[in-house]
C-alpha atoms as a PDB file:
ATOM      1  CA  MET A   1      -0.366   6.032   2.318  1.00  0.00           C
ATOM      2  CA  THR A   2      -2.612   7.564  -0.273  1.00  0.00           C
ATOM      3  CA  ALA A   3      -6.212   8.287  -0.925  1.00  0.00           C
ATOM      4  CA  GLY A   4      -7.734   6.405  -3.816  1.00  0.00           C
ATOM      5  CA  PRO A   5      -9.890   7.743  -6.625  1.00  0.00           C
ATOM      6  CA  GLY A   6     -12.159  10.472  -5.377  1.00  0.00           C
ATOM      7  CA  GLY A   7      -9.812  11.670  -2.651  1.00  0.00           C
ATOM      8  CA  THR A   8      -7.922  14.919  -2.776  1.00  0.00           C
ATOM      9  CA  SER A   9      -4.578  13.349  -1.934  1.00  0.00           C
ATOM     10  CA  ASP A  10      -4.536  10.767  -4.651  1.00  0.00           C
ATOM     11  CA  ALA A  11      -2.126   9.079  -6.995  1.00  0.00           C
ATOM     12  CA  GLY A  12      -2.079  12.088  -9.238  1.00  0.00           C
ATOM     13  CA  GLY A  13      -1.566  15.069  -7.079  1.00  0.00           C
ATOM     14  CA  GLY A  14      -4.084  16.670  -4.780  1.00  0.00           C
ATOM     15  CA  PRO A  15      -2.746  18.462  -1.703  1.00  0.00           C
ATOM     16  CA  ALA A  16      -0.975  16.099   0.690  1.00  0.00           C
ATOM     17  CA  ARG A  17      -0.370  16.647   4.393  1.00  0.00           C
ATOM     18  CA  HIS A  18       1.753  14.654   6.827  1.00  0.00           C
ATOM     19  CA  ILE A  19      -1.138  13.542   9.008  1.00  0.00           C
ATOM     20  CA  PRO A  20      -1.469   9.858   9.938  1.00  0.00           C
ATOM     21  CA  VAL A  21      -4.920   8.625   8.976  1.00  0.00           C
ATOM     22  CA  LEU A  22      -7.226   7.087  11.624  1.00  0.00           C
ATOM     23  CA  LEU A  23      -4.491   7.523  14.225  1.00  0.00           C
ATOM     24  CA  SER A  24      -6.638   7.216  17.361  1.00  0.00           C
ATOM     25  CA  GLU A  25      -8.504   4.248  15.883  1.00  0.00           C
ATOM     26  CA  VAL A  26      -5.235   2.510  14.957  1.00  0.00           C
ATOM     27  CA  LEU A  27      -3.894   3.011  18.477  1.00  0.00           C
ATOM     28  CA  GLU A  28      -7.111   1.678  19.967  1.00  0.00           C
ATOM     29  CA  MET A  29      -6.835  -1.414  17.786  1.00  0.00           C
ATOM     30  CA  LEU A  30      -3.140  -1.987  18.589  1.00  0.00           C
ATOM     31  CA  GLN A  31      -3.425  -1.177  22.314  1.00  0.00           C
ATOM     32  CA  PRO A  32       0.278  -0.224  22.623  1.00  0.00           C
ATOM     33  CA  ALA A  33       1.873   0.235  26.036  1.00  0.00           C
ATOM     34  CA  ALA A  34       5.288   0.744  27.609  1.00  0.00           C
ATOM     35  CA  GLY A  35       7.530  -2.208  26.859  1.00  0.00           C
ATOM     36  CA  LYS A  36       5.413  -3.621  24.045  1.00  0.00           C
ATOM     37  CA  VAL A  37       7.069  -4.144  20.660  1.00  0.00           C
ATOM     38  CA  ILE A  38       5.185  -2.840  17.633  1.00  0.00           C
ATOM     39  CA  VAL A  39       6.228  -3.147  13.988  1.00  0.00           C
ATOM     40  CA  ASP A  40       5.346  -0.141  11.836  1.00  0.00           C
ATOM     41  CA  GLY A  41       5.691  -1.735   8.425  1.00  0.00           C
ATOM     42  CA  THR A  42       5.135   1.515   6.529  1.00  0.00           C
ATOM     43  CA  PHE A  43       7.191   4.169   8.331  1.00  0.00           C
ATOM     44  CA  GLY A  44       6.737   6.933   5.718  1.00  0.00           C
ATOM     45  CA  ALA A  45       6.865  10.283   7.493  1.00  0.00           C
ATOM     46  CA  GLY A  46       6.748   8.556  10.891  1.00  0.00           C
ATOM     47  CA  GLY A  47       3.264   9.524  12.057  1.00  0.00           C
ATOM     48  CA  TYR A  48       2.274   6.208  13.617  1.00  0.00           C
ATOM     49  CA  THR A  49       5.781   5.568  14.937  1.00  0.00           C
ATOM     50  CA  ARG A  50       5.893   8.895  16.805  1.00  0.00           C
ATOM     51  CA  ALA A  51       2.538   8.197  18.431  1.00  0.00           C
ATOM     52  CA  LEU A  52       3.646   4.717  19.472  1.00  0.00           C
ATOM     53  CA  LEU A  53       6.891   6.056  20.940  1.00  0.00           C
ATOM     54  CA  ASP A  54       4.980   8.754  22.840  1.00  0.00           C
ATOM     55  CA  ILE A  55       2.922   6.014  24.512  1.00  0.00           C
ATOM     56  CA  GLY A  56       6.101   4.213  25.532  1.00  0.00           C
ATOM     57  CA  ALA A  57       6.170   1.314  23.077  1.00  0.00           C
ATOM     58  CA  ASN A  58       9.285   0.018  21.362  1.00  0.00           C
ATOM     59  CA  VAL A  59       9.056   0.252  17.576  1.00  0.00           C
ATOM     60  CA  VAL A  60      10.655  -1.495  14.641  1.00  0.00           C
ATOM     61  CA  ALA A  61       9.878   0.790  11.702  1.00  0.00           C
ATOM     62  CA  ILE A  62      10.308  -0.447   8.140  1.00  0.00           C
ATOM     63  CA  ASP A  63      10.350   1.360   4.814  1.00  0.00           C
ATOM     64  CA  ARG A  64      11.810   0.444   1.434  1.00  0.00           C
ATOM     65  CA  ASP A  65      12.283   4.102   0.526  1.00  0.00           C
ATOM     66  CA  PRO A  66      15.846   5.124   1.474  1.00  0.00           C
ATOM     67  CA  ASP A  67      14.753   8.768   1.720  1.00  0.00           C
ATOM     68  CA  ALA A  68      12.150   7.894   4.376  1.00  0.00           C
ATOM     69  CA  ILE A  69      14.747   5.991   6.388  1.00  0.00           C
ATOM     70  CA  ALA A  70      17.251   8.847   6.119  1.00  0.00           C
ATOM     71  CA  ALA A  71      14.620  11.376   7.222  1.00  0.00           C
ATOM     72  CA  GLY A  72      13.802   9.244  10.265  1.00  0.00           C
ATOM     73  CA  ARG A  73      17.328   8.879  11.597  1.00  0.00           C
ATOM     74  CA  SER A  74      17.030  11.873  13.929  1.00  0.00           C
ATOM     75  CA  LEU A  75      13.867  10.377  15.439  1.00  0.00           C
ATOM     76  CA  GLU A  76      15.703   7.100  15.891  1.00  0.00           C
ATOM     77  CA  ALA A  77      18.677   8.845  17.500  1.00  0.00           C
ATOM     78  CA  GLY A  78      16.452  10.572  20.048  1.00  0.00           C
ATOM     79  CA  SER A  79      14.400   7.502  20.958  1.00  0.00           C
ATOM     80  CA  ASP A  80      16.681   6.155  23.725  1.00  0.00           C
ATOM     81  CA  GLY A  81      16.992   2.908  21.820  1.00  0.00           C
ATOM     82  CA  ARG A  82      13.238   2.324  21.548  1.00  0.00           C
ATOM     83  CA  LEU A  83      13.137   2.835  17.760  1.00  0.00           C
ATOM     84  CA  ARG A  84      14.978   0.778  15.167  1.00  0.00           C
ATOM     85  CA  LEU A  85      14.669   1.788  11.517  1.00  0.00           C
ATOM     86  CA  VAL A  86      15.063  -0.866   8.829  1.00  0.00           C
ATOM     87  CA  GLU A  87      15.306  -0.237   5.086  1.00  0.00           C
ATOM     88  CA  ALA A  88      13.351  -3.118   3.568  1.00  0.00           C
ATOM     89  CA  PRO A  89      10.028  -3.887   1.889  1.00  0.00           C
ATOM     90  CA  PHE A  90       7.314  -4.647   4.414  1.00  0.00           C
ATOM     91  CA  SER A  91       6.792  -8.036   2.765  1.00  0.00           C
ATOM     92  CA  ARG A  92       9.912  -9.044   4.714  1.00  0.00           C
ATOM     93  CA  LEU A  93       8.855  -7.673   8.077  1.00  0.00           C
ATOM     94  CA  ASP A  94       9.279 -11.120   9.632  1.00  0.00           C
ATOM     95  CA  GLU A  95      13.002 -10.870   8.816  1.00  0.00           C
ATOM     96  CA  CYS A  96      13.342  -7.487  10.535  1.00  0.00           C
ATOM     97  CA  THR A  97      12.502  -8.470  14.104  1.00  0.00           C
ATOM     98  CA  ASP A  98      14.352 -10.448  16.763  1.00  0.00           C
ATOM     99  CA  GLY A  99      11.335 -12.395  17.955  1.00  0.00           C
ATOM    100  CA  PRO A 100       7.553 -12.357  18.415  1.00  0.00           C
ATOM    101  CA  VAL A 101       5.959  -8.895  18.581  1.00  0.00           C
ATOM    102  CA  ASP A 102       2.876  -7.381  20.191  1.00  0.00           C
ATOM    103  CA  GLY A 103       1.540  -5.551  17.173  1.00  0.00           C
ATOM    104  CA  VAL A 104       1.905  -4.823  13.456  1.00  0.00           C
ATOM    105  CA  VAL A 105       0.518  -1.750  11.708  1.00  0.00           C
ATOM    106  CA  LEU A 106       0.465  -1.202   7.939  1.00  0.00           C
ATOM    107  CA  ASP A 107      -0.655   1.953   6.112  1.00  0.00           C
ATOM    108  CA  ILE A 108      -0.833   0.922   2.479  1.00  0.00           C
ATOM    109  CA  GLY A 109       0.126   3.084  -0.494  1.00  0.00           C
ATOM    110  CA  VAL A 110       2.296   6.075  -1.287  1.00  0.00           C
ATOM    111  CA  SER A 111       3.252   8.523   1.451  1.00  0.00           C
ATOM    112  CA  SER A 112       2.440  12.210   1.334  1.00  0.00           C
ATOM    113  CA  MET A 113       6.187  12.835   1.558  1.00  0.00           C
ATOM    114  CA  GLN A 114       6.683  10.973  -1.732  1.00  0.00           C
ATOM    115  CA  LEU A 115       3.798  12.823  -3.385  1.00  0.00           C
ATOM    116  CA  ASP A 116       5.321  16.151  -2.386  1.00  0.00           C
ATOM    117  CA  GLU A 117       8.658  15.446  -4.105  1.00  0.00           C
ATOM    118  CA  ALA A 118       8.359  16.171  -7.823  1.00  0.00           C
ATOM    119  CA  GLU A 119      11.581  14.316  -8.615  1.00  0.00           C
ATOM    120  CA  ARG A 120      10.043  11.045  -7.413  1.00  0.00           C
ATOM    121  CA  GLY A 121       7.427  11.146 -10.175  1.00  0.00           C
ATOM    122  CA  PHE A 122       4.423  10.023  -8.108  1.00  0.00           C
ATOM    123  CA  SER A 123       2.377  13.155  -8.739  1.00  0.00           C
ATOM    124  CA  PHE A 124       1.586  15.402 -11.682  1.00  0.00           C
ATOM    125  CA  ARG A 125       0.835  18.362  -9.409  1.00  0.00           C
ATOM    126  CA  HIS A 126       4.432  19.355 -10.126  1.00  0.00           C
ATOM    127  CA  ASP A 127       6.222  18.173 -13.248  1.00  0.00           C
ATOM    128  CA  GLY A 128       8.866  15.521 -12.699  1.00  0.00           C
ATOM    129  CA  PRO A 129      10.355  12.351 -14.179  1.00  0.00           C
ATOM    130  CA  LEU A 130       7.917   9.500 -14.769  1.00  0.00           C
ATOM    131  CA  ASP A 131       9.395   7.300 -12.040  1.00  0.00           C
ATOM    132  CA  MET A 132       7.161   6.197  -9.086  1.00  0.00           C
ATOM    133  CA  ARG A 133       9.631   3.685  -7.610  1.00  0.00           C
ATOM    134  CA  MET A 134       9.358   3.562  -3.823  1.00  0.00           C
ATOM    135  CA  ALA A 135      12.681   1.747  -3.467  1.00  0.00           C
ATOM    136  CA  GLN A 136      14.291   3.971  -6.131  1.00  0.00           C
ATOM    137  CA  ALA A 137      15.434   0.889  -8.056  1.00  0.00           C
ATOM    138  CA  GLY A 138      14.044  -1.430 -10.720  1.00  0.00           C
ATOM    139  CA  LEU A 139      11.338  -0.882 -13.310  1.00  0.00           C
ATOM    140  CA  ALA A 140      10.121   2.723 -13.506  1.00  0.00           C
ATOM    141  CA  ALA A 141       6.735   3.991 -14.667  1.00  0.00           C
ATOM    142  CA  ALA A 142       8.356   5.387 -17.831  1.00  0.00           C
ATOM    143  CA  ASP A 143       9.594   1.892 -18.694  1.00  0.00           C
ATOM    144  CA  VAL A 144       6.051   0.555 -18.444  1.00  0.00           C
ATOM    145  CA  VAL A 145       4.475   3.361 -20.453  1.00  0.00           C
ATOM    146  CA  ASN A 146       7.109   3.335 -23.181  1.00  0.00           C
ATOM    147  CA  THR A 147       7.694  -0.411 -23.660  1.00  0.00           C
ATOM    148  CA  PHE A 148       4.657  -2.467 -22.603  1.00  0.00           C
ATOM    149  CA  LYS A 149       2.226  -3.726 -25.239  1.00  0.00           C
ATOM    150  CA  VAL A 150      -1.202  -2.145 -25.581  1.00  0.00           C
ATOM    151  CA  GLY A 151      -2.965  -5.179 -24.161  1.00  0.00           C
ATOM    152  CA  ASP A 152      -0.723  -5.160 -21.097  1.00  0.00           C
ATOM    153  CA  LEU A 153      -1.233  -1.442 -20.511  1.00  0.00           C
ATOM    154  CA  THR A 154      -4.985  -1.897 -20.848  1.00  0.00           C
ATOM    155  CA  ARG A 155      -4.981  -4.598 -18.164  1.00  0.00           C
ATOM    156  CA  ILE A 156      -2.824  -2.521 -15.829  1.00  0.00           C
ATOM    157  CA  PHE A 157      -4.971   0.603 -16.182  1.00  0.00           C
ATOM    158  CA  GLY A 158      -8.254  -1.291 -16.112  1.00  0.00           C
ATOM    159  CA  ILE A 159      -7.528  -3.626 -13.202  1.00  0.00           C
ATOM    160  CA  LEU A 160      -5.285  -1.568 -10.939  1.00  0.00           C
ATOM    161  CA  GLY A 161      -6.780   1.825 -11.737  1.00  0.00           C
ATOM    162  CA  GLU A 162     -10.346   0.774 -12.485  1.00  0.00           C
ATOM    163  CA  GLU A 163     -10.040   3.167 -15.427  1.00  0.00           C
ATOM    164  CA  ARG A 164     -13.020   2.930 -17.784  1.00  0.00           C
ATOM    165  CA  HIS A 165     -11.019   4.438 -20.671  1.00  0.00           C
ATOM    166  CA  ALA A 166      -8.120   1.982 -20.220  1.00  0.00           C
ATOM    167  CA  GLY A 167      -8.111   0.727 -23.829  1.00  0.00           C
ATOM    168  CA  ARG A 168      -8.359   4.188 -25.363  1.00  0.00           C
ATOM    169  CA  ILE A 169      -5.567   5.512 -23.178  1.00  0.00           C
ATOM    170  CA  ALA A 170      -3.317   2.525 -23.955  1.00  0.00           C
ATOM    171  CA  ARG A 171      -3.806   2.978 -27.709  1.00  0.00           C
ATOM    172  CA  MET A 172      -3.103   6.714 -27.429  1.00  0.00           C
ATOM    173  CA  ILE A 173       0.124   5.941 -25.581  1.00  0.00           C
ATOM    174  CA  GLU A 174       1.179   3.492 -28.293  1.00  0.00           C
ATOM    175  CA  ARG A 175       0.608   6.067 -31.027  1.00  0.00           C
ATOM    176  CA  ARG A 176       2.361   8.897 -29.214  1.00  0.00           C
ATOM    177  CA  ARG A 177       5.420   6.971 -28.052  1.00  0.00           C
ATOM    178  CA  ALA A 178       6.147   5.904 -31.634  1.00  0.00           C
ATOM    179  CA  ASP A 179       6.923   9.561 -32.283  1.00  0.00           C
ATOM    180  CA  ARG A 180       8.155  10.691 -28.862  1.00  0.00           C
ATOM    181  CA  LEU A 181       8.598   8.768 -25.607  1.00  0.00           C
ATOM    182  CA  PHE A 182       6.912   9.803 -22.395  1.00  0.00           C
ATOM    183  CA  THR A 183       9.452  11.032 -19.850  1.00  0.00           C
ATOM    184  CA  THR A 184       7.601  13.357 -17.471  1.00  0.00           C
ATOM    185  CA  THR A 185       4.513  13.172 -15.278  1.00  0.00           C
ATOM    186  CA  ARG A 186       2.955  16.284 -16.759  1.00  0.00           C
ATOM    187  CA  ASP A 187       3.393  15.062 -20.335  1.00  0.00           C
ATOM    188  CA  LEU A 188       1.508  11.837 -19.598  1.00  0.00           C
ATOM    189  CA  ALA A 189      -1.182  13.583 -17.551  1.00  0.00           C
ATOM    190  CA  GLN A 190      -1.823  16.231 -20.206  1.00  0.00           C
ATOM    191  CA  SER A 191      -1.940  13.625 -22.960  1.00  0.00           C
ATOM    192  CA  ILE A 192      -4.584  11.653 -21.060  1.00  0.00           C
ATOM    193  CA  GLU A 193      -6.578  14.812 -20.340  1.00  0.00           C
ATOM    194  CA  ALA A 194      -6.476  15.795 -24.013  1.00  0.00           C
ATOM    195  CA  LEU A 195      -7.803  12.362 -24.970  1.00  0.00           C
ATOM    196  CA  VAL A 196     -10.653  11.832 -22.497  1.00  0.00           C
ATOM    197  CA  GLY A 197     -11.434  15.410 -21.475  1.00  0.00           C
ATOM    198  CA  ASN A 198     -11.955  16.806 -18.007  1.00  0.00           C
ATOM    199  CA  ASN A 199     -15.459  16.248 -16.666  1.00  0.00           C
ATOM    200  CA  SER A 200     -16.377  19.041 -14.279  1.00  0.00           C
ATOM    201  CA  LYS A 201     -18.416  16.547 -12.224  1.00  0.00           C
ATOM    202  CA  ASP A 202     -15.316  14.503 -11.391  1.00  0.00           C
ATOM    203  CA  ARG A 203     -13.434  15.412  -8.239  1.00  0.00           C
ATOM    204  CA  ILE A 204     -10.197  14.020  -9.630  1.00  0.00           C
ATOM    205  CA  HIS A 205      -8.012  14.692 -12.665  1.00  0.00           C
ATOM    206  CA  PRO A 206      -8.657  12.315 -15.604  1.00  0.00           C
ATOM    207  CA  ALA A 207      -5.116  10.909 -15.299  1.00  0.00           C
ATOM    208  CA  THR A 208      -5.421  10.033 -11.606  1.00  0.00           C
ATOM    209  CA  ARG A 209      -6.473   6.402 -12.056  1.00  0.00           C
ATOM    210  CA  VAL A 210      -3.733   5.719 -14.608  1.00  0.00           C
ATOM    211  CA  PHE A 211      -1.121   7.146 -12.245  1.00  0.00           C
ATOM    212  CA  GLN A 212      -2.514   5.045  -9.424  1.00  0.00           C
ATOM    213  CA  ALA A 213      -2.360   1.913 -11.588  1.00  0.00           C
ATOM    214  CA  LEU A 214       1.220   2.580 -12.668  1.00  0.00           C
ATOM    215  CA  ARG A 215       2.329   3.140  -9.072  1.00  0.00           C
ATOM    216  CA  ILE A 216       0.682  -0.043  -7.815  1.00  0.00           C
ATOM    217  CA  PHE A 217       2.167  -2.061 -10.684  1.00  0.00           C
ATOM    218  CA  VAL A 218       5.696  -0.635 -10.534  1.00  0.00           C
ATOM    219  CA  ASN A 219       5.909  -1.302  -6.792  1.00  0.00           C
ATOM    220  CA  ASP A 220       3.996  -4.628  -6.831  1.00  0.00           C
ATOM    221  CA  GLU A 221       1.867  -3.226  -4.037  1.00  0.00           C
ATOM    222  CA  LEU A 222      -0.737  -5.986  -4.051  1.00  0.00           C
ATOM    223  CA  GLY A 223       1.862  -8.762  -3.937  1.00  0.00           C
ATOM    224  CA  GLU A 224       3.788  -6.930  -1.228  1.00  0.00           C
ATOM    225  CA  LEU A 225       0.655  -6.561   0.883  1.00  0.00           C
ATOM    226  CA  ALA A 226      -0.246 -10.244   0.552  1.00  0.00           C
ATOM    227  CA  ALA A 227       3.272 -11.292   1.598  1.00  0.00           C
ATOM    228  CA  ALA A 228       3.273  -8.806   4.498  1.00  0.00           C
ATOM    229  CA  LEU A 229       0.062 -10.266   5.915  1.00  0.00           C
ATOM    230  CA  PHE A 230       1.554 -13.755   5.949  1.00  0.00           C
ATOM    231  CA  ALA A 231       4.712 -12.341   7.551  1.00  0.00           C
ATOM    232  CA  ALA A 232       2.662 -10.606  10.249  1.00  0.00           C
ATOM    233  CA  GLU A 233       0.896 -13.882  11.017  1.00  0.00           C
ATOM    234  CA  HIS A 234       4.299 -15.466  11.694  1.00  0.00           C
ATOM    235  CA  ILE A 235       5.715 -12.813  14.015  1.00  0.00           C
ATOM    236  CA  LEU A 236       2.677 -11.808  16.087  1.00  0.00           C
ATOM    237  CA  LYS A 237       2.647 -13.435  19.507  1.00  0.00           C
ATOM    238  CA  PRO A 238      -0.580 -14.876  20.979  1.00  0.00           C
ATOM    239  CA  GLY A 239      -2.752 -11.846  21.744  1.00  0.00           C
ATOM    240  CA  GLY A 240      -0.726  -9.723  19.314  1.00  0.00           C
ATOM    241  CA  ARG A 241      -2.696  -7.261  17.224  1.00  0.00           C
ATOM    242  CA  LEU A 242      -2.754  -6.515  13.512  1.00  0.00           C
ATOM    243  CA  ALA A 243      -4.028  -3.174  12.145  1.00  0.00           C
ATOM    244  CA  VAL A 244      -4.116  -2.380   8.418  1.00  0.00           C
ATOM    245  CA  VAL A 245      -5.223   0.890   6.824  1.00  0.00           C
ATOM    246  CA  SER A 246      -5.975   0.683   3.109  1.00  0.00           C
ATOM    247  CA  PHE A 247      -7.204   3.261   0.605  1.00  0.00           C
ATOM    248  CA  HIS A 248      -8.115   1.223  -2.456  1.00  0.00           C
ATOM    249  CA  SER A 249     -10.738  -1.465  -2.960  1.00  0.00           C
ATOM    250  CA  LEU A 250      -8.170  -3.977  -4.244  1.00  0.00           C
ATOM    251  CA  GLU A 251      -6.032  -3.526  -1.132  1.00  0.00           C
ATOM    252  CA  ASP A 252      -8.996  -3.680   1.229  1.00  0.00           C
ATOM    253  CA  ARG A 253     -10.227  -6.863  -0.457  1.00  0.00           C
ATOM    254  CA  ILE A 254      -6.858  -8.539   0.166  1.00  0.00           C
ATOM    255  CA  VAL A 255      -6.918  -7.618   3.857  1.00  0.00           C
ATOM    256  CA  LYS A 256     -10.544  -8.737   4.240  1.00  0.00           C
ATOM    257  CA  ARG A 257      -9.899 -12.089   2.534  1.00  0.00           C
ATOM    258  CA  PHE A 258      -6.836 -12.744   4.681  1.00  0.00           C
ATOM    259  CA  LEU A 259      -8.615 -12.021   7.957  1.00  0.00           C
ATOM    260  CA  THR A 260     -11.680 -13.995   6.902  1.00  0.00           C
ATOM    261  CA  ASP A 261      -9.562 -16.988   5.932  1.00  0.00           C
ATOM    262  CA  ARG A 262      -7.358 -16.884   9.025  1.00  0.00           C
ATOM    263  CA  SER A 263     -10.207 -16.372  11.494  1.00  0.00           C
ATOM    264  CA  ALA A 264     -11.938 -19.608  10.424  1.00  0.00           C
ATOM    265  CA  ALA A 265     -10.825 -23.236  10.617  1.00  0.00           C
ATOM    266  CA  ALA A 266      -9.200 -24.327   7.368  1.00  0.00           C
ATOM    267  CA  ALA A 267     -11.587 -26.166   5.080  1.00  0.00           C
ATOM    268  CA  ILE A 268     -11.151 -29.911   4.614  1.00  0.00           C
ATOM    269  CA  SER A 269     -11.853 -31.683   1.349  1.00  0.00           C
ATOM    270  CA  ARG A 270     -14.342 -34.523   1.683  1.00  0.00           C
ATOM    271  CA  HIS A 271     -12.470 -36.293  -1.127  1.00  0.00           C
ATOM    272  CA  LEU A 272      -9.277 -36.679   0.951  1.00  0.00           C
ATOM    273  CA  PRO A 273      -8.526 -39.032   3.831  1.00  0.00           C
ATOM    274  CA  ALA A 274      -9.631 -37.975   7.309  1.00  0.00           C
ATOM    275  CA  GLN A 275      -7.868 -34.793   8.398  1.00  0.00           C
ATOM    276  CA  THR A 276      -7.843 -32.383  11.294  1.00  0.00           C
ATOM    277  CA  ALA A 277      -8.857 -28.854  10.384  1.00  0.00           C
ATOM    278  CA  ALA A 278      -6.173 -26.211  10.901  1.00  0.00           C
ATOM    279  CA  PRO A 279      -7.454 -23.959  13.730  1.00  0.00           C
ATOM    280  CA  ALA A 280      -7.972 -20.232  13.282  1.00  0.00           C
ATOM    281  CA  THR A 281      -4.826 -18.134  13.666  1.00  0.00           C
ATOM    282  CA  PHE A 282      -6.761 -14.894  14.292  1.00  0.00           C
ATOM    283  CA  ASP A 283      -9.872 -14.170  16.328  1.00  0.00           C
ATOM    284  CA  LYS A 284     -12.944 -12.786  14.602  1.00  0.00           C
ATOM    285  CA  PRO A 285     -11.853  -9.582  12.812  1.00  0.00           C
ATOM    286  CA  ALA A 286     -12.780  -6.240  14.300  1.00  0.00           C
ATOM    287  CA  ARG A 287     -15.502  -4.216  12.627  1.00  0.00           C
ATOM    288  CA  VAL A 288     -14.149  -2.212   9.695  1.00  0.00           C
ATOM    289  CA  VAL A 289     -13.468   1.406  10.688  1.00  0.00           C
ATOM    290  CA  THR A 290     -13.707   4.477   8.452  1.00  0.00           C
ATOM    291  CA  ALA A 291     -12.845   8.101   9.100  1.00  0.00           C
ATOM    292  CA  SER A 292     -15.294  10.481  10.744  1.00  0.00           C
ATOM    293  CA  GLU A 293     -16.596  13.505   8.882  1.00  0.00           C
ATOM    294  CA  GLU A 294     -14.524  15.645  11.252  1.00  0.00           C
ATOM    295  CA  GLU A 295     -11.305  13.847  10.319  1.00  0.00           C
ATOM    296  CA  ILE A 296     -12.124  13.997   6.618  1.00  0.00           C
ATOM    297  CA  ALA A 297     -12.636  17.757   6.906  1.00  0.00           C
ATOM    298  CA  GLN A 298      -9.232  18.116   8.568  1.00  0.00           C
ATOM    299  CA  ASN A 299      -7.452  15.530   6.415  1.00  0.00           C
ATOM    300  CA  PRO A 300      -9.154  14.838   3.051  1.00  0.00           C
ATOM    301  CA  ARG A 301      -6.898  11.851   2.299  1.00  0.00           C
ATOM    302  CA  ALA A 302      -8.778   9.956   5.016  1.00  0.00           C
ATOM    303  CA  ARG A 303     -11.943   9.911   2.886  1.00  0.00           C
ATOM    304  CA  SER A 304     -11.334   6.485   1.342  1.00  0.00           C
ATOM    305  CA  ALA A 305      -9.414   4.944   4.258  1.00  0.00           C
ATOM    306  CA  LYS A 306     -10.554   1.660   5.801  1.00  0.00           C
ATOM    307  CA  LEU A 307      -9.053   0.137   8.925  1.00  0.00           C
ATOM    308  CA  ARG A 308      -9.258  -3.604   9.522  1.00  0.00           C
ATOM    309  CA  GLY A 309      -7.633  -5.652  12.253  1.00  0.00           C
ATOM    310  CA  ALA A 310      -7.719  -8.764  14.382  1.00  0.00           C
ATOM    311  CA  VAL A 311      -6.043 -10.418  17.368  1.00  0.00           C
ATOM    312  CA  ARG A 312      -3.644 -13.344  16.948  1.00  0.00           C
ATOM    313  CA  THR A 313      -4.552 -16.648  18.537  1.00  0.00           C
ATOM    314  CA  ALA A 314      -2.044 -19.106  20.016  1.00  0.00           C
ATOM    315  CA  GLU A 315      -2.283 -21.447  17.013  1.00  0.00           C
ATOM    316  CA  PRO A 316       0.761 -21.912  14.746  1.00  0.00           C
ATOM    317  CA  ALA A 317       0.861 -19.823  11.574  1.00  0.00           C
ATOM    318  CA  ARG A 318      -0.481 -21.592   8.524  1.00  0.00           C
ATOM    319  CA  PRO A 319       1.543 -22.012   5.327  1.00  0.00           C
ATOM    320  CA  ALA A 320       1.377 -18.987   3.044  1.00  0.00           C
ATOM    321  CA  ASP A 321      -1.155 -19.599   0.281  1.00  0.00           C
ATOM    322  CA  PRO A 322      -1.446 -16.627  -2.096  1.00  0.00           C
ATOM    323  CA  SER A 323      -4.397 -18.256  -3.865  1.00  0.00           C
ATOM    324  CA  ILE A 324      -6.709 -17.084  -1.058  1.00  0.00           C
ATOM    325  CA  PHE A 325      -6.394 -13.544  -2.400  1.00  0.00           C
ATOM    326  CA  ALA A 326      -7.401 -14.302  -6.013  1.00  0.00           C
ATOM    327  CA  LEU A 327      -4.920 -11.653  -7.138  1.00  0.00           C
ATOM    328  CA  PRO A 328      -5.445 -10.377 -10.707  1.00  0.00           C
ATOM    329  CA  ARG A 329      -3.256 -11.743 -13.473  1.00  0.00           C
ATOM    330  CA  LEU A 330      -0.960  -8.951 -14.638  1.00  0.00           C
ATOM    331  CA  PRO A 331       1.974  -8.644 -17.047  1.00  0.00           C
ATOM    332  CA  GLU A 332       5.404  -9.598 -15.800  1.00  0.00           C
ATOM    333  CA  PRO A 333       7.124  -6.429 -14.437  1.00  0.00           C
ATOM    334  CA  ARG A 334      10.064  -6.493 -16.794  1.00  0.00           C
ATOM    335  CA  LEU A 335      11.393  -4.421 -19.629  1.00  0.00           C
ATOM    336  CA  THR A 336      10.423  -5.547 -23.117  1.00  0.00           C
ATOM    337  CA  ALA A 337      11.603  -4.421 -26.509  1.00  0.00           C
ATOM    338  CA  GLU A 338       8.140  -4.991 -28.019  1.00  0.00           C
ATOM    339  CA  ARG A 339       6.376  -1.709 -28.701  1.00  0.00           C
END
């Protein structure tokens, strides 16, 4: 749950507030009601879940961050059994439910709660360890910065951060880490700022896109989103509703491609024997929704938000085919001794 480049609650560290983005629009798309079961695949600070509970829906809320789950236990305890919290990545949301559900909502990215905690290393607003791991396990941002080859860093920064200085920044990192490793968010941010300067016309810090790229890479956010969409297709009942809020063009493109593919009959090759086209598993997607100027004024992180959704048909889910997303080729997320 983060604004992308240009927002004030971005990967680097603008002010973050615990306000669910496009809340009324998400609820309108989901159409929750008493007795309906909704999966909140990105629990975070619980904004969507609270609104769904207030309406009377039953909620299965998922988050891979153990801190988010721990913070939500009191809400779960006071829900009269209508909320179940599950610590898991949302790519496995189909494993977290007991049967078909009426709705799935996903709010993609880092939560404002994570940005606010310096020790998590998502933001350089306050100095902290160069971490960024949502699940608090596995490859950390410091591992990437201090061990990945220049070419790999350039691809990560250029593709996931859309950073125009990706090559220069990667080469600077290689030179600096030979003398002293990067261990803190502020150290990396200041080193990038010293290299590329701080253009007064930019609304964001010069390190913002690099931090965004590192976070997306460390947490495999694009792969997780693709898998979550396939999982949602499997667990939504006929008439069930999918709502996805994204903040980055790469994320929005994945959602758009999925809904476009699933709302049309599967293509048939004229070079193969006669086949029956696989019917659409979702109705025509709803019109993309963005935040109003009023919401942006109250909650700047809504500036880059896009909401997409569609209604599930009665047709069986299709096999998962990640090729429909044309995901970028990135380095393997593993430690390497090559420097």
